[in-house]
Amino acid sequence: MLDLNDVALFVQVVRSGSFAEAARRLGMPSNTVSRRVQQLEAQLGTRLLQRSTRKLTLTHVGEGFYGRCVGAVDGLMDAGQALMHGSDEPAGLVRIAAMADFFDFFPMEWIADFLAAHPRVQLDFVLSDARVDLITDRIDVAFRGGVLQDSGYVGRQLLSNASDGMVASPAYIAARGMPKSLDDLARHHSVNFPHPSGLSHWQLIGPDGQAVEVQIPSRFNANTAQALRKAAVAGLGIAVLPSALSAMDLEAGRLVRVLPQYRRNGFGLNVLYPSRRQLPRAVSAFIALVMEKLELKAFPARPS
């Protein structure tokens, strides 16, 4: 029979990234931690971790084993904390990976309110447009846009009604006029992701539900949505932006909608986490916060 203490120790080692860091967090000698993980591997008859002088890496078998046992270990830890503290209050460290511009559309005030409501929770953010490895980088929850790939993690779509719309600054519209139809867009400038043709190619959905492609001359290109938002606000052209990214500028009047009856399907915001079982309460509470705030504020329903 497996020693559950050794399984919990293995989970801690994976989250810590090294035997030394796990030993420091647990107040144990590093060689004891290493020896007990080796005992677990011997019991299972397989190697769970690849060891090097720089870092630890999960084997394919180790990744699967971690995914199956981390939820149970977290559940036991939560139960123990609930007994010790006499409550089910969320507690502990939550490491969150999100896109680099996450806080451009997710106000820090929401984080402040969350931490005030959950004083025993600590949040660590890893902000980057690069896709991190949840296990290697010890990430509890990751937010990603786009189509979810089959990564072996647990994934769910937070927002299914997300869509992208055309926007421009009031100054740009005052100078060049408001387009009345898709044909008018040929006489305008766009800001977009780089394309070899020098044109923006947008697949839009019209009010009749039919797809239509438009091509617009582009004078400013950039490889991040945040740069395109800033370019649109500065009056450099029309942009197609996710609702989450443009909502606050629309509300403040820095941007206006262009041909709002035409939209581009968005992929919403997805959340990933490594555990296949029970989520720690602190992680669940943070996911609930994001769902509540973004659904109510940043993703308005498609206009009729």
C-alpha atoms as a PDB file:
ATOM      1  CA  MET A   1       0.000   0.000   0.000  1.00  0.00           C
ATOM      2  CA  LEU A   2       1.282   3.453  -0.883  1.00  0.00           C
ATOM      3  CA  ASP A   3       2.293   5.796   1.908  1.00  0.00           C
ATOM      4  CA  LEU A   4       0.003   8.818   1.521  1.00  0.00           C
ATOM      5  CA  ASN A   5       2.591  10.974   3.250  1.00  0.00           C
ATOM      6  CA  ASP A   6       5.074  10.138   0.495  1.00  0.00           C
ATOM      7  CA  VAL A   7       2.457  10.945  -2.158  1.00  0.00           C
ATOM      8  CA  ALA A   8       1.801  14.332  -0.517  1.00  0.00           C
ATOM      9  CA  LEU A   9       5.562  14.874  -0.355  1.00  0.00           C
ATOM     10  CA  PHE A  10       5.854  14.135  -4.077  1.00  0.00           C
ATOM     11  CA  VAL A  11       3.135  16.706  -4.833  1.00  0.00           C
ATOM     12  CA  GLN A  12       4.981  19.299  -2.763  1.00  0.00           C
ATOM     13  CA  VAL A  13       8.251  18.583  -4.586  1.00  0.00           C
ATOM     14  CA  VAL A  14       6.569  19.088  -7.982  1.00  0.00           C
ATOM     15  CA  ARG A  15       4.989  22.357  -6.879  1.00  0.00           C
ATOM     16  CA  SER A  16       8.229  23.589  -5.319  1.00  0.00           C
ATOM     17  CA  GLY A  17      10.341  22.722  -8.348  1.00  0.00           C
ATOM     18  CA  SER A  18      13.189  21.191  -6.342  1.00  0.00           C
ATOM     19  CA  PHE A  19      13.901  18.927  -3.400  1.00  0.00           C
ATOM     20  CA  ALA A  20      15.669  21.781  -1.616  1.00  0.00           C
ATOM     21  CA  GLU A  21      12.728  24.182  -1.904  1.00  0.00           C
ATOM     22  CA  ALA A  22      10.250  21.486  -0.863  1.00  0.00           C
ATOM     23  CA  ALA A  23      12.437  20.646   2.122  1.00  0.00           C
ATOM     24  CA  ARG A  24      12.599  24.327   3.076  1.00  0.00           C
ATOM     25  CA  ARG A  25       8.813  24.707   2.929  1.00  0.00           C
ATOM     26  CA  LEU A  26       8.256  21.511   4.904  1.00  0.00           C
ATOM     27  CA  GLY A  27      11.056  22.038   7.428  1.00  0.00           C
ATOM     28  CA  MET A  28      12.721  18.737   6.534  1.00  0.00           C
ATOM     29  CA  PRO A  29      16.248  17.763   5.452  1.00  0.00           C
ATOM     30  CA  SER A  30      16.618  17.779   1.667  1.00  0.00           C
ATOM     31  CA  ASN A  31      18.092  14.278   1.580  1.00  0.00           C
ATOM     32  CA  THR A  32      15.074  12.963   3.506  1.00  0.00           C
ATOM     33  CA  VAL A  33      12.708  14.424   0.913  1.00  0.00           C
ATOM     34  CA  SER A  34      14.745  12.916  -1.923  1.00  0.00           C
ATOM     35  CA  ARG A  35      14.929   9.509  -0.237  1.00  0.00           C
ATOM     36  CA  ARG A  36      11.164   9.331   0.379  1.00  0.00           C
ATOM     37  CA  VAL A  37      10.360  10.210  -3.227  1.00  0.00           C
ATOM     38  CA  GLN A  38      12.763   7.474  -4.310  1.00  0.00           C
ATOM     39  CA  GLN A  39      10.894   5.083  -2.011  1.00  0.00           C
ATOM     40  CA  LEU A  40       7.619   6.068  -3.674  1.00  0.00           C
ATOM     41  CA  GLU A  41       9.125   5.438  -7.114  1.00  0.00           C
ATOM     42  CA  ALA A  42      10.367   2.050  -5.937  1.00  0.00           C
ATOM     43  CA  GLN A  43       6.886   1.134  -4.713  1.00  0.00           C
ATOM     44  CA  LEU A  44       5.350   2.178  -8.018  1.00  0.00           C
ATOM     45  CA  GLY A  45       8.077   0.497 -10.024  1.00  0.00           C
ATOM     46  CA  THR A  46       8.645   3.515 -12.261  1.00  0.00           C
ATOM     47  CA  ARG A  47      10.486   6.829 -12.340  1.00  0.00           C
ATOM     48  CA  LEU A  48       8.332   9.870 -11.645  1.00  0.00           C
ATOM     49  CA  LEU A  49      10.964  12.608 -11.835  1.00  0.00           C
ATOM     50  CA  GLN A  50      13.958  13.231 -14.057  1.00  0.00           C
ATOM     51  CA  ARG A  51      16.679  14.780 -11.910  1.00  0.00           C
ATOM     52  CA  SER A  52      19.386  17.164 -13.120  1.00  0.00           C
ATOM     53  CA  THR A  53      21.700  19.641 -11.448  1.00  0.00           C
ATOM     54  CA  ARG A  54      19.425  22.512 -12.478  1.00  0.00           C
ATOM     55  CA  LYS A  55      15.860  21.338 -12.164  1.00  0.00           C
ATOM     56  CA  LEU A  56      13.404  18.508 -11.806  1.00  0.00           C
ATOM     57  CA  THR A  57      11.191  17.444 -14.695  1.00  0.00           C
ATOM     58  CA  LEU A  58       8.219  15.131 -14.516  1.00  0.00           C
ATOM     59  CA  THR A  59       8.351  12.023 -16.651  1.00  0.00           C
ATOM     60  CA  HIS A  60       5.308  11.210 -18.759  1.00  0.00           C
ATOM     61  CA  VAL A  61       4.217   8.693 -16.115  1.00  0.00           C
ATOM     62  CA  GLY A  62       4.998  11.190 -13.362  1.00  0.00           C
ATOM     63  CA  GLU A  63       2.848  13.860 -14.997  1.00  0.00           C
ATOM     64  CA  GLY A  64      -0.099  11.479 -15.163  1.00  0.00           C
ATOM     65  CA  PHE A  65       0.408  10.363 -11.566  1.00  0.00           C
ATOM     66  CA  TYR A  66       0.641  13.962 -10.375  1.00  0.00           C
ATOM     67  CA  GLY A  67      -2.579  14.847 -12.205  1.00  0.00           C
ATOM     68  CA  ARG A  68      -4.421  11.967 -10.568  1.00  0.00           C
ATOM     69  CA  CYS A  69      -3.239  12.514  -7.006  1.00  0.00           C
ATOM     70  CA  VAL A  70      -2.886  16.297  -6.616  1.00  0.00           C
ATOM     71  CA  GLY A  71      -6.638  16.840  -6.228  1.00  0.00           C
ATOM     72  CA  ALA A  72      -6.894  14.207  -3.529  1.00  0.00           C
ATOM     73  CA  VAL A  73      -3.914  15.665  -1.677  1.00  0.00           C
ATOM     74  CA  ASP A  74      -5.412  19.169  -1.902  1.00  0.00           C
ATOM     75  CA  GLY A  75      -8.714  17.809  -0.634  1.00  0.00           C
ATOM     76  CA  LEU A  76      -7.035  16.277   2.400  1.00  0.00           C
ATOM     77  CA  MET A  77      -5.141  19.498   3.054  1.00  0.00           C
ATOM     78  CA  ASP A  78      -8.328  21.551   2.777  1.00  0.00           C
ATOM     79  CA  ALA A  79     -10.110  19.186   5.152  1.00  0.00           C
ATOM     80  CA  GLY A  80      -7.286  19.473   7.652  1.00  0.00           C
ATOM     81  CA  GLN A  81      -7.249  23.251   7.408  1.00  0.00           C
ATOM     82  CA  ALA A  82     -11.017  23.386   7.852  1.00  0.00           C
ATOM     83  CA  LEU A  83     -10.765  21.315  11.031  1.00  0.00           C
ATOM     84  CA  MET A  84      -7.891  23.407  12.372  1.00  0.00           C
ATOM     85  CA  HIS A  85      -9.478  26.749  11.585  1.00  0.00           C
ATOM     86  CA  GLY A  86     -13.106  25.792  12.035  1.00  0.00           C
ATOM     87  CA  SER A  87     -14.165  27.182   8.663  1.00  0.00           C
ATOM     88  CA  ASP A  88     -14.146  26.525   4.943  1.00  0.00           C
ATOM     89  CA  GLU A  89     -12.527  29.887   4.228  1.00  0.00           C
ATOM     90  CA  PRO A  90     -10.243  29.907   1.145  1.00  0.00           C
ATOM     91  CA  ALA A  91      -6.593  30.018   2.143  1.00  0.00           C
ATOM     92  CA  GLY A  92      -3.118  29.569   0.744  1.00  0.00           C
ATOM     93  CA  LEU A  93      -0.990  30.633  -2.220  1.00  0.00           C
ATOM     94  CA  VAL A  94      -2.484  30.708  -5.729  1.00  0.00           C
ATOM     95  CA  ARG A  95      -0.076  31.080  -8.654  1.00  0.00           C
ATOM     96  CA  ILE A  96      -1.832  32.463 -11.726  1.00  0.00           C
ATOM     97  CA  ALA A  97      -0.550  32.617 -15.293  1.00  0.00           C
ATOM     98  CA  ALA A  98      -2.266  35.122 -17.562  1.00  0.00           C
ATOM     99  CA  MET A  99      -1.637  37.105 -20.713  1.00  0.00           C
ATOM    100  CA  ALA A 100       0.694  40.112 -20.397  1.00  0.00           C
ATOM    101  CA  ASP A 101      -2.144  42.629 -20.722  1.00  0.00           C
ATOM    102  CA  PHE A 102      -4.438  40.890 -18.208  1.00  0.00           C
ATOM    103  CA  PHE A 103      -4.580  43.914 -15.911  1.00  0.00           C
ATOM    104  CA  ASP A 104      -5.361  46.248 -18.770  1.00  0.00           C
ATOM    105  CA  PHE A 105      -8.908  44.882 -18.799  1.00  0.00           C
ATOM    106  CA  PHE A 106      -9.077  43.390 -15.307  1.00  0.00           C
ATOM    107  CA  PRO A 107      -8.890  46.324 -12.851  1.00  0.00           C
ATOM    108  CA  MET A 108      -6.583  45.959  -9.885  1.00  0.00           C
ATOM    109  CA  GLU A 109      -9.450  47.177  -7.696  1.00  0.00           C
ATOM    110  CA  TRP A 110     -11.154  43.827  -8.275  1.00  0.00           C
ATOM    111  CA  ILE A 111      -8.053  42.067  -6.956  1.00  0.00           C
ATOM    112  CA  ALA A 112      -8.005  44.359  -3.926  1.00  0.00           C
ATOM    113  CA  ASP A 113     -11.652  43.554  -3.177  1.00  0.00           C
ATOM    114  CA  PHE A 114     -10.961  39.825  -3.556  1.00  0.00           C
ATOM    115  CA  LEU A 115      -7.998  39.894  -1.176  1.00  0.00           C
ATOM    116  CA  ALA A 116      -9.993  41.950   1.321  1.00  0.00           C
ATOM    117  CA  ALA A 117     -12.766  39.336   1.217  1.00  0.00           C
ATOM    118  CA  HIS A 118     -10.261  36.453   1.543  1.00  0.00           C
ATOM    119  CA  PRO A 119      -7.512  37.635   3.916  1.00  0.00           C
ATOM    120  CA  ARG A 120      -5.842  34.210   4.049  1.00  0.00           C
ATOM    121  CA  VAL A 121      -5.255  34.003   0.287  1.00  0.00           C
ATOM    122  CA  GLN A 122      -2.046  35.102  -1.438  1.00  0.00           C
ATOM    123  CA  LEU A 123      -1.940  35.673  -5.221  1.00  0.00           C
ATOM    124  CA  ASP A 124       1.189  35.333  -7.359  1.00  0.00           C
ATOM    125  CA  PHE A 125       0.766  36.445 -10.994  1.00  0.00           C
ATOM    126  CA  VAL A 126       2.976  35.284 -13.846  1.00  0.00           C
ATOM    127  CA  LEU A 127       2.134  37.623 -16.739  1.00  0.00           C
ATOM    128  CA  SER A 128       3.365  36.654 -20.187  1.00  0.00           C
ATOM    129  CA  ASP A 129       2.043  36.008 -23.679  1.00  0.00           C
ATOM    130  CA  ALA A 130       4.160  32.841 -23.741  1.00  0.00           C
ATOM    131  CA  ARG A 131       2.379  29.619 -22.784  1.00  0.00           C
ATOM    132  CA  VAL A 132       3.774  28.320 -19.537  1.00  0.00           C
ATOM    133  CA  ASP A 133       3.842  24.700 -18.429  1.00  0.00           C
ATOM    134  CA  LEU A 134       1.515  24.490 -15.451  1.00  0.00           C
ATOM    135  CA  ILE A 135       3.403  21.729 -13.680  1.00  0.00           C
ATOM    136  CA  THR A 136       6.978  22.822 -14.418  1.00  0.00           C
ATOM    137  CA  ASP A 137       6.192  26.445 -13.504  1.00  0.00           C
ATOM    138  CA  ARG A 138       4.044  25.469 -10.502  1.00  0.00           C
ATOM    139  CA  ILE A 139       0.941  27.236 -11.835  1.00  0.00           C
ATOM    140  CA  ASP A 140      -2.375  26.630 -10.090  1.00  0.00           C
ATOM    141  CA  VAL A 141      -4.573  28.275 -12.705  1.00  0.00           C
ATOM    142  CA  ALA A 142      -3.893  29.721 -16.154  1.00  0.00           C
ATOM    143  CA  PHE A 143      -6.052  31.983 -18.284  1.00  0.00           C
ATOM    144  CA  ARG A 144      -5.732  31.654 -22.060  1.00  0.00           C
ATOM    145  CA  GLY A 145      -7.551  32.951 -25.069  1.00  0.00           C
ATOM    146  CA  GLY A 146      -8.063  31.049 -28.290  1.00  0.00           C
ATOM    147  CA  VAL A 147      -8.928  27.441 -28.936  1.00  0.00           C
ATOM    148  CA  LEU A 148      -7.950  25.095 -26.132  1.00  0.00           C
ATOM    149  CA  GLN A 149      -5.437  22.463 -27.131  1.00  0.00           C
ATOM    150  CA  ASP A 150      -5.474  18.929 -25.746  1.00  0.00           C
ATOM    151  CA  SER A 151      -2.703  19.411 -23.193  1.00  0.00           C
ATOM    152  CA  GLY A 152      -3.716  16.865 -20.585  1.00  0.00           C
ATOM    153  CA  TYR A 153      -4.838  19.626 -18.234  1.00  0.00           C
ATOM    154  CA  VAL A 154      -8.370  20.324 -17.117  1.00  0.00           C
ATOM    155  CA  GLY A 155      -9.861  23.099 -19.239  1.00  0.00           C
ATOM    156  CA  ARG A 156     -13.138  24.978 -19.350  1.00  0.00           C
ATOM    157  CA  GLN A 157     -14.414  28.009 -21.186  1.00  0.00           C
ATOM    158  CA  LEU A 158     -15.311  30.848 -18.882  1.00  0.00           C
ATOM    159  CA  LEU A 159     -17.089  32.951 -21.469  1.00  0.00           C
ATOM    160  CA  SER A 160     -18.906  31.575 -24.470  1.00  0.00           C
ATOM    161  CA  ASN A 161     -20.540  34.766 -25.789  1.00  0.00           C
ATOM    162  CA  ALA A 162     -17.309  36.644 -26.430  1.00  0.00           C
ATOM    163  CA  SER A 163     -17.050  38.423 -29.758  1.00  0.00           C
ATOM    164  CA  ASP A 164     -14.784  40.947 -31.409  1.00  0.00           C
ATOM    165  CA  GLY A 165     -16.084  44.200 -32.854  1.00  0.00           C
ATOM    166  CA  MET A 166     -14.782  47.030 -35.007  1.00  0.00           C
ATOM    167  CA  VAL A 167     -13.859  50.184 -33.108  1.00  0.00           C
ATOM    168  CA  ALA A 168     -12.172  53.516 -33.790  1.00  0.00           C
ATOM    169  CA  SER A 169     -11.459  56.728 -31.939  1.00  0.00           C
ATOM    170  CA  PRO A 170     -13.885  59.667 -32.139  1.00  0.00           C
ATOM    171  CA  ALA A 171     -11.062  61.774 -33.611  1.00  0.00           C
ATOM    172  CA  TYR A 172     -10.491  59.275 -36.418  1.00  0.00           C
ATOM    173  CA  ILE A 173     -14.222  59.158 -37.206  1.00  0.00           C
ATOM    174  CA  ALA A 174     -14.429  62.959 -37.165  1.00  0.00           C
ATOM    175  CA  ALA A 175     -11.564  63.182 -39.657  1.00  0.00           C
ATOM    176  CA  ARG A 176     -12.557  60.377 -42.041  1.00  0.00           C
ATOM    177  CA  GLY A 177     -16.270  59.852 -41.439  1.00  0.00           C
ATOM    178  CA  MET A 178     -18.264  56.963 -40.026  1.00  0.00           C
ATOM    179  CA  PRO A 179     -18.513  53.982 -42.422  1.00  0.00           C
ATOM    180  CA  LYS A 180     -22.112  53.273 -43.424  1.00  0.00           C
ATOM    181  CA  SER A 181     -21.455  49.906 -45.069  1.00  0.00           C
ATOM    182  CA  LEU A 182     -18.734  47.327 -45.506  1.00  0.00           C
ATOM    183  CA  ASP A 183     -17.890  48.839 -48.910  1.00  0.00           C
ATOM    184  CA  ASP A 184     -17.005  52.107 -47.173  1.00  0.00           C
ATOM    185  CA  LEU A 185     -14.205  50.342 -45.270  1.00  0.00           C
ATOM    186  CA  ALA A 186     -12.067  50.275 -48.439  1.00  0.00           C
ATOM    187  CA  ARG A 187     -11.611  54.045 -48.029  1.00  0.00           C
ATOM    188  CA  HIS A 188     -10.411  53.731 -44.430  1.00  0.00           C
ATOM    189  CA  HIS A 189      -7.268  52.677 -42.619  1.00  0.00           C
ATOM    190  CA  SER A 190      -6.999  49.774 -40.224  1.00  0.00           C
ATOM    191  CA  VAL A 191      -4.670  48.680 -37.450  1.00  0.00           C
ATOM    192  CA  ASN A 192      -4.072  44.967 -37.358  1.00  0.00           C
ATOM    193  CA  PHE A 193      -1.683  42.105 -36.818  1.00  0.00           C
ATOM    194  CA  PRO A 194       1.045  42.003 -39.495  1.00  0.00           C
ATOM    195  CA  HIS A 195       0.037  40.412 -42.807  1.00  0.00           C
ATOM    196  CA  PRO A 196       2.283  39.945 -45.881  1.00  0.00           C
ATOM    197  CA  SER A 197      -0.307  41.585 -48.131  1.00  0.00           C
ATOM    198  CA  GLY A 198      -0.263  44.835 -46.169  1.00  0.00           C
ATOM    199  CA  LEU A 199      -4.026  44.514 -45.822  1.00  0.00           C
ATOM    200  CA  SER A 200      -6.234  43.540 -42.917  1.00  0.00           C
ATOM    201  CA  HIS A 201      -8.282  40.438 -43.749  1.00  0.00           C
ATOM    202  CA  TRP A 202     -11.249  40.193 -41.396  1.00  0.00           C
ATOM    203  CA  GLN A 203     -13.815  37.403 -41.353  1.00  0.00           C
ATOM    204  CA  LEU A 204     -16.993  39.008 -40.028  1.00  0.00           C
ATOM    205  CA  ILE A 205     -20.458  37.717 -39.218  1.00  0.00           C
ATOM    206  CA  GLY A 206     -23.286  39.916 -40.466  1.00  0.00           C
ATOM    207  CA  PRO A 207     -26.733  40.513 -38.963  1.00  0.00           C
ATOM    208  CA  ASP A 208     -28.100  37.643 -41.083  1.00  0.00           C
ATOM    209  CA  GLY A 209     -25.553  35.245 -39.568  1.00  0.00           C
ATOM    210  CA  GLN A 210     -23.627  34.918 -42.831  1.00  0.00           C
ATOM    211  CA  ALA A 211     -19.838  35.191 -42.928  1.00  0.00           C
ATOM    212  CA  VAL A 212     -18.220  37.854 -45.062  1.00  0.00           C
ATOM    213  CA  GLU A 213     -14.567  38.734 -45.621  1.00  0.00           C
ATOM    214  CA  VAL A 214     -13.401  42.327 -45.833  1.00  0.00           C
ATOM    215  CA  GLN A 215      -9.999  43.720 -46.754  1.00  0.00           C
ATOM    216  CA  ILE A 216      -8.872  47.098 -45.461  1.00  0.00           C
ATOM    217  CA  PRO A 217      -5.590  48.944 -46.077  1.00  0.00           C
ATOM    218  CA  SER A 218      -3.391  48.805 -42.990  1.00  0.00           C
ATOM    219  CA  ARG A 219      -0.929  51.535 -42.072  1.00  0.00           C
ATOM    220  CA  PHE A 220      -0.049  50.314 -38.564  1.00  0.00           C
ATOM    221  CA  ASN A 221       0.644  46.705 -37.585  1.00  0.00           C
ATOM    222  CA  ALA A 222       1.643  45.173 -34.270  1.00  0.00           C
ATOM    223  CA  ASN A 223       1.791  41.692 -32.815  1.00  0.00           C
ATOM    224  CA  THR A 224      -0.178  42.285 -29.600  1.00  0.00           C
ATOM    225  CA  ALA A 225      -3.832  43.164 -29.121  1.00  0.00           C
ATOM    226  CA  GLN A 226      -2.896  45.773 -26.528  1.00  0.00           C
ATOM    227  CA  ALA A 227      -0.740  47.651 -29.049  1.00  0.00           C
ATOM    228  CA  LEU A 228      -3.626  47.611 -31.515  1.00  0.00           C
ATOM    229  CA  ARG A 229      -5.959  48.986 -28.841  1.00  0.00           C
ATOM    230  CA  LYS A 230      -3.584  51.864 -28.141  1.00  0.00           C
ATOM    231  CA  ALA A 231      -3.209  52.562 -31.855  1.00  0.00           C
ATOM    232  CA  ALA A 232      -6.977  52.694 -32.282  1.00  0.00           C
ATOM    233  CA  VAL A 233      -7.327  55.063 -29.307  1.00  0.00           C
ATOM    234  CA  ALA A 234      -4.603  57.254 -30.843  1.00  0.00           C
ATOM    235  CA  GLY A 235      -6.659  57.561 -34.034  1.00  0.00           C
ATOM    236  CA  LEU A 236      -4.468  55.472 -36.342  1.00  0.00           C
ATOM    237  CA  GLY A 237      -7.341  53.481 -37.810  1.00  0.00           C
ATOM    238  CA  ILE A 238     -10.142  50.978 -37.282  1.00  0.00           C
ATOM    239  CA  ALA A 239      -9.361  47.898 -35.218  1.00  0.00           C
ATOM    240  CA  VAL A 240     -11.162  44.639 -34.512  1.00  0.00           C
ATOM    241  CA  LEU A 241     -10.742  44.068 -30.785  1.00  0.00           C
ATOM    242  CA  PRO A 242     -12.043  41.567 -28.231  1.00  0.00           C
ATOM    243  CA  SER A 243     -14.903  42.966 -26.187  1.00  0.00           C
ATOM    244  CA  ALA A 244     -12.894  42.518 -22.989  1.00  0.00           C
ATOM    245  CA  LEU A 245     -10.136  44.730 -24.335  1.00  0.00           C
ATOM    246  CA  SER A 246     -12.291  47.530 -25.740  1.00  0.00           C
ATOM    247  CA  ALA A 247     -15.090  47.672 -23.140  1.00  0.00           C
ATOM    248  CA  MET A 248     -13.524  50.279 -20.849  1.00  0.00           C
ATOM    249  CA  ASP A 249     -12.456  52.545 -23.727  1.00  0.00           C
ATOM    250  CA  LEU A 250     -15.972  52.349 -25.182  1.00  0.00           C
ATOM    251  CA  GLU A 251     -17.454  53.198 -21.804  1.00  0.00           C
ATOM    252  CA  ALA A 252     -15.078  56.151 -21.376  1.00  0.00           C
ATOM    253  CA  GLY A 253     -15.669  57.442 -24.910  1.00  0.00           C
ATOM    254  CA  ARG A 254     -12.107  56.859 -26.090  1.00  0.00           C
ATOM    255  CA  LEU A 255     -13.450  54.455 -28.714  1.00  0.00           C
ATOM    256  CA  VAL A 256     -16.734  54.169 -30.588  1.00  0.00           C
ATOM    257  CA  ARG A 257     -18.246  51.156 -32.348  1.00  0.00           C
ATOM    258  CA  VAL A 258     -18.009  50.924 -36.118  1.00  0.00           C
ATOM    259  CA  LEU A 259     -20.724  48.962 -37.978  1.00  0.00           C
ATOM    260  CA  PRO A 260     -21.745  47.182 -34.761  1.00  0.00           C
ATOM    261  CA  GLN A 261     -24.048  44.824 -36.660  1.00  0.00           C
ATOM    262  CA  TYR A 262     -20.902  43.066 -37.902  1.00  0.00           C
ATOM    263  CA  ARG A 263     -18.883  41.017 -35.432  1.00  0.00           C
ATOM    264  CA  ARG A 264     -16.069  38.513 -35.444  1.00  0.00           C
ATOM    265  CA  ASN A 265     -16.517  35.392 -33.386  1.00  0.00           C
ATOM    266  CA  GLY A 266     -14.197  35.376 -30.418  1.00  0.00           C
ATOM    267  CA  PHE A 267     -12.886  32.438 -28.459  1.00  0.00           C
ATOM    268  CA  GLY A 268     -13.676  33.834 -25.040  1.00  0.00           C
ATOM    269  CA  LEU A 269     -11.428  33.306 -22.083  1.00  0.00           C
ATOM    270  CA  ASN A 270     -10.422  29.818 -20.996  1.00  0.00           C
ATOM    271  CA  VAL A 271      -9.116  28.581 -17.692  1.00  0.00           C
ATOM    272  CA  LEU A 272      -6.727  25.654 -17.223  1.00  0.00           C
ATOM    273  CA  TYR A 273      -5.617  23.906 -14.071  1.00  0.00           C
ATOM    274  CA  PRO A 274      -3.525  20.767 -13.553  1.00  0.00           C
ATOM    275  CA  SER A 275      -5.746  18.909 -11.085  1.00  0.00           C
ATOM    276  CA  ARG A 276      -8.401  16.559 -12.423  1.00  0.00           C
ATOM    277  CA  ARG A 277     -10.210  16.429  -9.114  1.00  0.00           C
ATOM    278  CA  GLN A 278     -11.125  18.906  -6.397  1.00  0.00           C
ATOM    279  CA  LEU A 279      -9.761  22.418  -6.774  1.00  0.00           C
ATOM    280  CA  PRO A 280      -8.366  24.204  -3.725  1.00  0.00           C
ATOM    281  CA  ARG A 281     -10.946  26.645  -2.394  1.00  0.00           C
ATOM    282  CA  ALA A 282      -8.668  29.603  -3.024  1.00  0.00           C
ATOM    283  CA  VAL A 283      -8.350  28.662  -6.712  1.00  0.00           C
ATOM    284  CA  SER A 284     -12.099  28.100  -7.070  1.00  0.00           C
ATOM    285  CA  ALA A 285     -12.806  31.447  -5.427  1.00  0.00           C
ATOM    286  CA  PHE A 286     -10.492  33.289  -7.819  1.00  0.00           C
ATOM    287  CA  ILE A 287     -11.992  31.607 -10.885  1.00  0.00           C
ATOM    288  CA  ALA A 288     -15.450  32.583  -9.630  1.00  0.00           C
ATOM    289  CA  LEU A 289     -14.295  36.202  -9.313  1.00  0.00           C
ATOM    290  CA  VAL A 290     -13.066  36.298 -12.908  1.00  0.00           C
ATOM    291  CA  MET A 291     -16.249  34.718 -14.237  1.00  0.00           C
ATOM    292  CA  GLU A 292     -18.457  37.173 -12.355  1.00  0.00           C
ATOM    293  CA  LYS A 293     -16.546  40.318 -13.277  1.00  0.00           C
ATOM    294  CA  LEU A 294     -15.828  39.616 -16.924  1.00  0.00           C
ATOM    295  CA  GLU A 295     -19.272  38.249 -17.759  1.00  0.00           C
ATOM    296  CA  LEU A 296     -21.031  41.252 -16.217  1.00  0.00           C
ATOM    297  CA  LYS A 297     -18.720  44.015 -17.403  1.00  0.00           C
ATOM    298  CA  ALA A 298     -16.317  43.132 -20.156  1.00  0.00           C
ATOM    299  CA  PHE A 299     -18.396  40.947 -22.442  1.00  0.00           C
ATOM    300  CA  PRO A 300     -21.679  42.639 -23.295  1.00  0.00           C
ATOM    301  CA  ALA A 301     -24.201  40.738 -25.359  1.00  0.00           C
ATOM    302  CA  ARG A 302     -24.027  41.043 -29.117  1.00  0.00           C
ATOM    303  CA  PRO A 303     -26.110  44.008 -30.307  1.00  0.00           C
ATOM    304  CA  SER A 304     -29.206  43.155 -32.281  1.00  0.00           C
END
